[in-house]
Structure formats: structure tokens, C-alpha cells
Amino acid sequence: MTPMQYQKQLRLLEARRLILSENARIEAAAHATGYESASQLSREYPRMFGIPPRRDAAHNRDIAGWA
């Protein structure tokens, strides 16, 4: 893994943590992790996690029993 790939991985992991643990909006998570836009984060996110961030958040809420 290159240093750039490692940095991207860390940013995506932090964005996911913000979205899933702190219920951050995609836009806020993108900004907090250094992405220029929510759409940039939304393009990168499924490459690492297999699903888009909004669907991941919805799935997480369903599992946790949140409405």
C-alpha cells in the first residue's frame, strides 16, 4: 500500500466512523475528513466499503433498531 492509499484509507475510515457512530451527514463527514465535496466522498466510499455511504448509514440504523 502506498502512502497515498494509506492516507485515503484513514480518511475513509474516519468518514465512516463519523457517519455511523456520530450520525454525521455525508457533507459534514466529507468536510471533516478533507474531501472537497460530498460527491467525492460518495465516489470513494463504495470502493472501500462496498456500498454508498447513505445506504451504509441506513443499514446501520436498521441493525441498531433506530427508525
PDB file of N, CA and C in Angstrom:
ATOM      1  N   MET A   1       0.851  -1.172   0.000  1.00  0.00           N
ATOM      2  CA  MET A   1       0.000   0.000   0.000  1.00  0.00           C
ATOM      3  C   MET A   1       0.903   1.243   0.000  1.00  0.00           C
ATOM      4  N   THR A   2       0.598   2.142  -0.886  1.00  0.00           N
ATOM      5  CA  THR A   2       1.377   3.379  -0.966  1.00  0.00           C
ATOM      6  C   THR A   2       0.945   4.339   0.160  1.00  0.00           C
ATOM      7  N   PRO A   3       1.786   5.332   0.456  1.00  0.00           N
ATOM      8  CA  PRO A   3       1.385   6.323   1.460  1.00  0.00           C
ATOM      9  C   PRO A   3       0.070   7.034   1.096  1.00  0.00           C
ATOM     10  N   MET A   4      -0.146   7.300  -0.173  1.00  0.00           N
ATOM     11  CA  MET A   4      -1.375   7.959  -0.612  1.00  0.00           C
ATOM     12  C   MET A   4      -2.584   7.052  -0.378  1.00  0.00           C
ATOM     13  N   GLN A   5      -2.452   5.764  -0.666  1.00  0.00           N
ATOM     14  CA  GLN A   5      -3.538   4.815  -0.429  1.00  0.00           C
ATOM     15  C   GLN A   5      -3.837   4.691   1.068  1.00  0.00           C
ATOM     16  N   TYR A   6      -2.785   4.695   1.865  1.00  0.00           N
ATOM     17  CA  TYR A   6      -2.950   4.615   3.316  1.00  0.00           C
ATOM     18  C   TYR A   6      -3.699   5.843   3.840  1.00  0.00           C
ATOM     19  N   GLN A   7      -3.317   7.022   3.368  1.00  0.00           N
ATOM     20  CA  GLN A   7      -3.992   8.244   3.769  1.00  0.00           C
ATOM     21  C   GLN A   7      -5.462   8.217   3.370  1.00  0.00           C
ATOM     22  N   LYS A   8      -5.739   7.759   2.154  1.00  0.00           N
ATOM     23  CA  LYS A   8      -7.129   7.665   1.692  1.00  0.00           C
ATOM     24  C   LYS A   8      -7.915   6.698   2.567  1.00  0.00           C
ATOM     25  N   GLN A   9      -7.302   5.574   2.912  1.00  0.00           N
ATOM     26  CA  GLN A   9      -7.959   4.590   3.764  1.00  0.00           C
ATOM     27  C   GLN A   9      -8.295   5.195   5.128  1.00  0.00           C
ATOM     28  N   LEU A  10      -7.360   5.923   5.720  1.00  0.00           N
ATOM     29  CA  LEU A  10      -7.606   6.551   7.011  1.00  0.00           C
ATOM     30  C   LEU A  10      -8.740   7.568   6.935  1.00  0.00           C
ATOM     31  N   ARG A  11      -8.758   8.363   5.869  1.00  0.00           N
ATOM     32  CA  ARG A  11      -9.812   9.354   5.696  1.00  0.00           C
ATOM     33  C   ARG A  11     -11.175   8.687   5.547  1.00  0.00           C
ATOM     34  N   LEU A  12     -11.234   7.614   4.777  1.00  0.00           N
ATOM     35  CA  LEU A  12     -12.495   6.905   4.587  1.00  0.00           C
ATOM     36  C   LEU A  12     -12.967   6.231   5.876  1.00  0.00           C
ATOM     37  N   LEU A  13     -12.044   5.656   6.616  1.00  0.00           N
ATOM     38  CA  LEU A  13     -12.416   5.042   7.891  1.00  0.00           C
ATOM     39  C   LEU A  13     -12.967   6.080   8.865  1.00  0.00           C
ATOM     40  N   GLU A  14     -12.340   7.253   8.905  1.00  0.00           N
ATOM     41  CA  GLU A  14     -12.831   8.314   9.785  1.00  0.00           C
ATOM     42  C   GLU A  14     -14.181   8.837   9.311  1.00  0.00           C
ATOM     43  N   ALA A  15     -14.352   8.991   8.021  1.00  0.00           N
ATOM     44  CA  ALA A  15     -15.639   9.432   7.489  1.00  0.00           C
ATOM     45  C   ALA A  15     -16.724   8.423   7.855  1.00  0.00           C
ATOM     46  N   ARG A  16     -16.419   7.145   7.726  1.00  0.00           N
ATOM     47  CA  ARG A  16     -17.403   6.113   8.076  1.00  0.00           C
ATOM     48  C   ARG A  16     -17.729   6.149   9.559  1.00  0.00           C
ATOM     49  N   ARG A  17     -16.711   6.344  10.387  1.00  0.00           N
ATOM     50  CA  ARG A  17     -16.945   6.436  11.825  1.00  0.00           C
ATOM     51  C   ARG A  17     -17.876   7.606  12.143  1.00  0.00           C
ATOM     52  N   LEU A  18     -17.632   8.744  11.515  1.00  0.00           N
ATOM     53  CA  LEU A  18     -18.478   9.915  11.745  1.00  0.00           C
ATOM     54  C   LEU A  18     -19.913   9.659  11.308  1.00  0.00           C
ATOM     55  N   ILE A  19     -20.063   9.020  10.159  1.00  0.00           N
ATOM     56  CA  ILE A  19     -21.401   8.759   9.614  1.00  0.00           C
ATOM     57  C   ILE A  19     -22.154   7.734  10.464  1.00  0.00           C
ATOM     58  N   LEU A  20     -21.484   6.668  10.838  1.00  0.00           N
ATOM     59  CA  LEU A  20     -22.162   5.587  11.555  1.00  0.00           C
ATOM     60  C   LEU A  20     -22.255   5.809  13.062  1.00  0.00           C
ATOM     61  N   SER A  21     -21.212   6.339  13.677  1.00  0.00           N
ATOM     62  CA  SER A  21     -21.194   6.477  15.131  1.00  0.00           C
ATOM     63  C   SER A  21     -21.760   7.797  15.615  1.00  0.00           C
ATOM     64  N   GLU A  22     -21.550   8.843  14.842  1.00  0.00           N
ATOM     65  CA  GLU A  22     -21.974  10.160  15.297  1.00  0.00           C
ATOM     66  C   GLU A  22     -23.137  10.709  14.471  1.00  0.00           C
ATOM     67  N   ASN A  23     -23.662   9.876  13.581  1.00  0.00           N
ATOM     68  CA  ASN A  23     -24.785  10.273  12.733  1.00  0.00           C
ATOM     69  C   ASN A  23     -24.522  11.549  11.951  1.00  0.00           C
ATOM     70  N   ALA A  24     -23.274  11.746  11.558  1.00  0.00           N
ATOM     71  CA  ALA A  24     -22.918  12.927  10.768  1.00  0.00           C
ATOM     72  C   ALA A  24     -23.512  12.812   9.365  1.00  0.00           C
ATOM     73  N   ARG A  25     -23.906  13.933   8.821  1.00  0.00           N
ATOM     74  CA  ARG A  25     -24.365  13.963   7.428  1.00  0.00           C
ATOM     75  C   ARG A  25     -23.153  13.714   6.530  1.00  0.00           C
ATOM     76  N   ILE A  26     -23.411  13.216   5.336  1.00  0.00           N
ATOM     77  CA  ILE A  26     -22.342  12.912   4.381  1.00  0.00           C
ATOM     78  C   ILE A  26     -21.512  14.167   4.127  1.00  0.00           C
ATOM     79  N   GLU A  27     -22.169  15.303   3.961  1.00  0.00           N
ATOM     80  CA  GLU A  27     -21.479  16.558   3.684  1.00  0.00           C
ATOM     81  C   GLU A  27     -20.534  16.934   4.821  1.00  0.00           C
ATOM     82  N   ALA A  28     -20.996  16.779   6.067  1.00  0.00           N
ATOM     83  CA  ALA A  28     -20.172  17.116   7.226  1.00  0.00           C
ATOM     84  C   ALA A  28     -18.991  16.158   7.357  1.00  0.00           C
ATOM     85  N   ALA A  29     -19.229  14.880   7.127  1.00  0.00           N
ATOM     86  CA  ALA A  29     -18.143  13.895   7.200  1.00  0.00           C
ATOM     87  C   ALA A  29     -17.114  14.152   6.114  1.00  0.00           C
ATOM     88  N   ALA A  30     -17.573  14.498   4.929  1.00  0.00           N
ATOM     89  CA  ALA A  30     -16.652  14.804   3.836  1.00  0.00           C
ATOM     90  C   ALA A  30     -15.780  15.988   4.192  1.00  0.00           C
ATOM     91  N   HIS A  31     -16.388  17.046   4.670  1.00  0.00           N
ATOM     92  CA  HIS A  31     -15.642  18.253   5.032  1.00  0.00           C
ATOM     93  C   HIS A  31     -14.654  17.968   6.165  1.00  0.00           C
ATOM     94  N   ALA A  32     -15.097  17.220   7.178  1.00  0.00           N
ATOM     95  CA  ALA A  32     -14.259  16.930   8.344  1.00  0.00           C
ATOM     96  C   ALA A  32     -13.051  16.062   8.001  1.00  0.00           C
ATOM     97  N   THR A  33     -13.145  15.307   6.939  1.00  0.00           N
ATOM     98  CA  THR A  33     -12.052  14.393   6.579  1.00  0.00           C
ATOM     99  C   THR A  33     -11.251  14.860   5.369  1.00  0.00           C
ATOM    100  N   GLY A  34     -11.487  16.087   4.945  1.00  0.00           N
ATOM    101  CA  GLY A  34     -10.638  16.677   3.914  1.00  0.00           C
ATOM    102  C   GLY A  34     -11.085  16.492   2.481  1.00  0.00           C
ATOM    103  N   TYR A  35     -12.282  15.957   2.280  1.00  0.00           N
ATOM    104  CA  TYR A  35     -12.786  15.838   0.914  1.00  0.00           C
ATOM    105  C   TYR A  35     -13.331  17.188   0.465  1.00  0.00           C
ATOM    106  N   GLU A  36     -13.201  17.475  -0.801  1.00  0.00           N
ATOM    107  CA  GLU A  36     -13.669  18.747  -1.330  1.00  0.00           C
ATOM    108  C   GLU A  36     -15.189  18.810  -1.416  1.00  0.00           C
ATOM    109  N   SER A  37     -15.827  17.650  -1.536  1.00  0.00           N
ATOM    110  CA  SER A  37     -17.275  17.632  -1.660  1.00  0.00           C
ATOM    111  C   SER A  37     -17.821  16.283  -1.196  1.00  0.00           C
ATOM    112  N   ALA A  38     -19.120  16.286  -0.928  1.00  0.00           N
ATOM    113  CA  ALA A  38     -19.793  15.038  -0.558  1.00  0.00           C
ATOM    114  C   ALA A  38     -19.771  14.053  -1.716  1.00  0.00           C
ATOM    115  N   SER A  39     -19.853  14.575  -2.945  1.00  0.00           N
ATOM    116  CA  SER A  39     -19.852  13.667  -4.095  1.00  0.00           C
ATOM    117  C   SER A  39     -18.505  12.964  -4.244  1.00  0.00           C
ATOM    118  N   GLN A  40     -17.422  13.644  -3.907  1.00  0.00           N
ATOM    119  CA  GLN A  40     -16.111  12.996  -3.960  1.00  0.00           C
ATOM    120  C   GLN A  40     -16.045  11.856  -2.947  1.00  0.00           C
ATOM    121  N   LEU A  41     -16.515  12.111  -1.728  1.00  0.00           N
ATOM    122  CA  LEU A  41     -16.560  11.053  -0.715  1.00  0.00           C
ATOM    123  C   LEU A  41     -17.471   9.926  -1.170  1.00  0.00           C
ATOM    124  N   SER A  42     -18.607  10.266  -1.739  1.00  0.00           N
ATOM    125  CA  SER A  42     -19.569   9.252  -2.182  1.00  0.00           C
ATOM    126  C   SER A  42     -19.027   8.380  -3.301  1.00  0.00           C
ATOM    127  N   ARG A  43     -18.106   8.887  -4.084  1.00  0.00           N
ATOM    128  CA  ARG A  43     -17.468   8.075  -5.132  1.00  0.00           C
ATOM    129  C   ARG A  43     -16.432   7.117  -4.544  1.00  0.00           C
ATOM    130  N   GLU A  44     -15.671   7.589  -3.567  1.00  0.00           N
ATOM    131  CA  GLU A  44     -14.607   6.777  -2.976  1.00  0.00           C
ATOM    132  C   GLU A  44     -15.125   5.722  -1.995  1.00  0.00           C
ATOM    133  N   TYR A  45     -16.152   6.062  -1.262  1.00  0.00           N
ATOM    134  CA  TYR A  45     -16.680   5.231  -0.179  1.00  0.00           C
ATOM    135  C   TYR A  45     -17.031   3.809  -0.622  1.00  0.00           C
ATOM    136  N   PRO A  46     -17.814   3.624  -1.688  1.00  0.00           N
ATOM    137  CA  PRO A  46     -18.176   2.238  -2.062  1.00  0.00           C
ATOM    138  C   PRO A  46     -16.997   1.418  -2.564  1.00  0.00           C
ATOM    139  N   ARG A  47     -15.958   2.055  -3.016  1.00  0.00           N
ATOM    140  CA  ARG A  47     -14.769   1.301  -3.447  1.00  0.00           C
ATOM    141  C   ARG A  47     -14.137   0.576  -2.272  1.00  0.00           C
ATOM    142  N   MET A  48     -14.252   1.175  -1.085  1.00  0.00           N
ATOM    143  CA  MET A  48     -13.660   0.556   0.095  1.00  0.00           C
ATOM    144  C   MET A  48     -14.659  -0.299   0.865  1.00  0.00           C
ATOM    145  N   PHE A  49     -15.893   0.184   0.987  1.00  0.00           N
ATOM    146  CA  PHE A  49     -16.864  -0.488   1.855  1.00  0.00           C
ATOM    147  C   PHE A  49     -17.932  -1.276   1.110  1.00  0.00           C
ATOM    148  N   GLY A  50     -17.989  -1.152  -0.200  1.00  0.00           N
ATOM    149  CA  GLY A  50     -18.899  -1.956  -0.990  1.00  0.00           C
ATOM    150  C   GLY A  50     -20.297  -1.389  -1.188  1.00  0.00           C
ATOM    151  N   ILE A  51     -20.658  -0.379  -0.421  1.00  0.00           N
ATOM    152  CA  ILE A  51     -21.969   0.265  -0.577  1.00  0.00           C
ATOM    153  C   ILE A  51     -21.804   1.769  -0.383  1.00  0.00           C
ATOM    154  N   PRO A  52     -22.716   2.558  -0.941  1.00  0.00           N
ATOM    155  CA  PRO A  52     -22.639   4.016  -0.779  1.00  0.00           C
ATOM    156  C   PRO A  52     -22.855   4.417   0.682  1.00  0.00           C
ATOM    157  N   PRO A  53     -22.355   5.577   1.073  1.00  0.00           N
ATOM    158  CA  PRO A  53     -22.462   5.981   2.480  1.00  0.00           C
ATOM    159  C   PRO A  53     -23.893   6.114   2.986  1.00  0.00           C
ATOM    160  N   ARG A  54     -24.800   6.619   2.180  1.00  0.00           N
ATOM    161  CA  ARG A  54     -26.196   6.762   2.655  1.00  0.00           C
ATOM    162  C   ARG A  54     -26.817   5.396   2.930  1.00  0.00           C
ATOM    163  N   ARG A  55     -26.539   4.432   2.062  1.00  0.00           N
ATOM    164  CA  ARG A  55     -27.083   3.080   2.263  1.00  0.00           C
ATOM    165  C   ARG A  55     -26.427   2.411   3.466  1.00  0.00           C
ATOM    166  N   ASP A  56     -25.146   2.653   3.660  1.00  0.00           N
ATOM    167  CA  ASP A  56     -24.436   2.107   4.814  1.00  0.00           C
ATOM    168  C   ASP A  56     -25.035   2.672   6.101  1.00  0.00           C
ATOM    169  N   ALA A  57     -25.293   3.969   6.125  1.00  0.00           N
ATOM    170  CA  ALA A  57     -25.890   4.602   7.304  1.00  0.00           C
ATOM    171  C   ALA A  57     -27.288   4.049   7.563  1.00  0.00           C
ATOM    172  N   ALA A  58     -28.085   3.910   6.514  1.00  0.00           N
ATOM    173  CA  ALA A  58     -29.442   3.368   6.663  1.00  0.00           C
ATOM    174  C   ALA A  58     -29.396   1.933   7.174  1.00  0.00           C
ATOM    175  N   HIS A  59     -28.488   1.141   6.619  1.00  0.00           N
ATOM    176  CA  HIS A  59     -28.326  -0.254   7.045  1.00  0.00           C
ATOM    177  C   HIS A  59     -27.924  -0.303   8.516  1.00  0.00           C
ATOM    178  N   ASN A  60     -27.016   0.565   8.915  1.00  0.00           N
ATOM    179  CA  ASN A  60     -26.568   0.611  10.301  1.00  0.00           C
ATOM    180  C   ASN A  60     -27.716   0.991  11.241  1.00  0.00           C
ATOM    181  N   ARG A  61     -28.557   1.948  10.821  1.00  0.00           N
ATOM    182  CA  ARG A  61     -29.710   2.334  11.640  1.00  0.00           C
ATOM    183  C   ARG A  61     -30.678   1.162  11.778  1.00  0.00           C
ATOM    184  N   ASP A  62     -30.893   0.420  10.685  1.00  0.00           N
ATOM    185  CA  ASP A  62     -31.792  -0.737  10.722  1.00  0.00           C
ATOM    186  C   ASP A  62     -31.289  -1.792  11.690  1.00  0.00           C
ATOM    187  N   ILE A  63     -30.000  -2.060  11.655  1.00  0.00           N
ATOM    188  CA  ILE A  63     -29.402  -3.066  12.547  1.00  0.00           C
ATOM    189  C   ILE A  63     -29.510  -2.626  13.992  1.00  0.00           C
ATOM    190  N   ALA A  64     -29.277  -1.336  14.231  1.00  0.00           N
ATOM    191  CA  ALA A  64     -29.299  -0.815  15.601  1.00  0.00           C
ATOM    192  C   ALA A  64     -30.720  -0.648  16.125  1.00  0.00           C
ATOM    193  N   GLY A  65     -31.702  -0.780  15.245  1.00  0.00           N
ATOM    194  CA  GLY A  65     -33.093  -0.642  15.669  1.00  0.00           C
ATOM    195  C   GLY A  65     -33.579   0.794  15.711  1.00  0.00           C
ATOM    196  N   TRP A  66     -32.819   1.696  15.060  1.00  0.00           N
ATOM    197  CA  TRP A  66     -33.239   3.095  15.006  1.00  0.00           C
ATOM    198  C   TRP A  66     -34.233   3.252  13.871  1.00  0.00           C
ATOM    199  N   ALA A  67     -35.125   4.171  14.023  1.00  0.00           N
ATOM    200  CA  ALA A  67     -36.113   4.429  12.960  1.00  0.00           C
ATOM    201  C   ALA A  67     -35.710   5.612  12.138  1.00  0.00           C
TER     202      ALA A  67
END
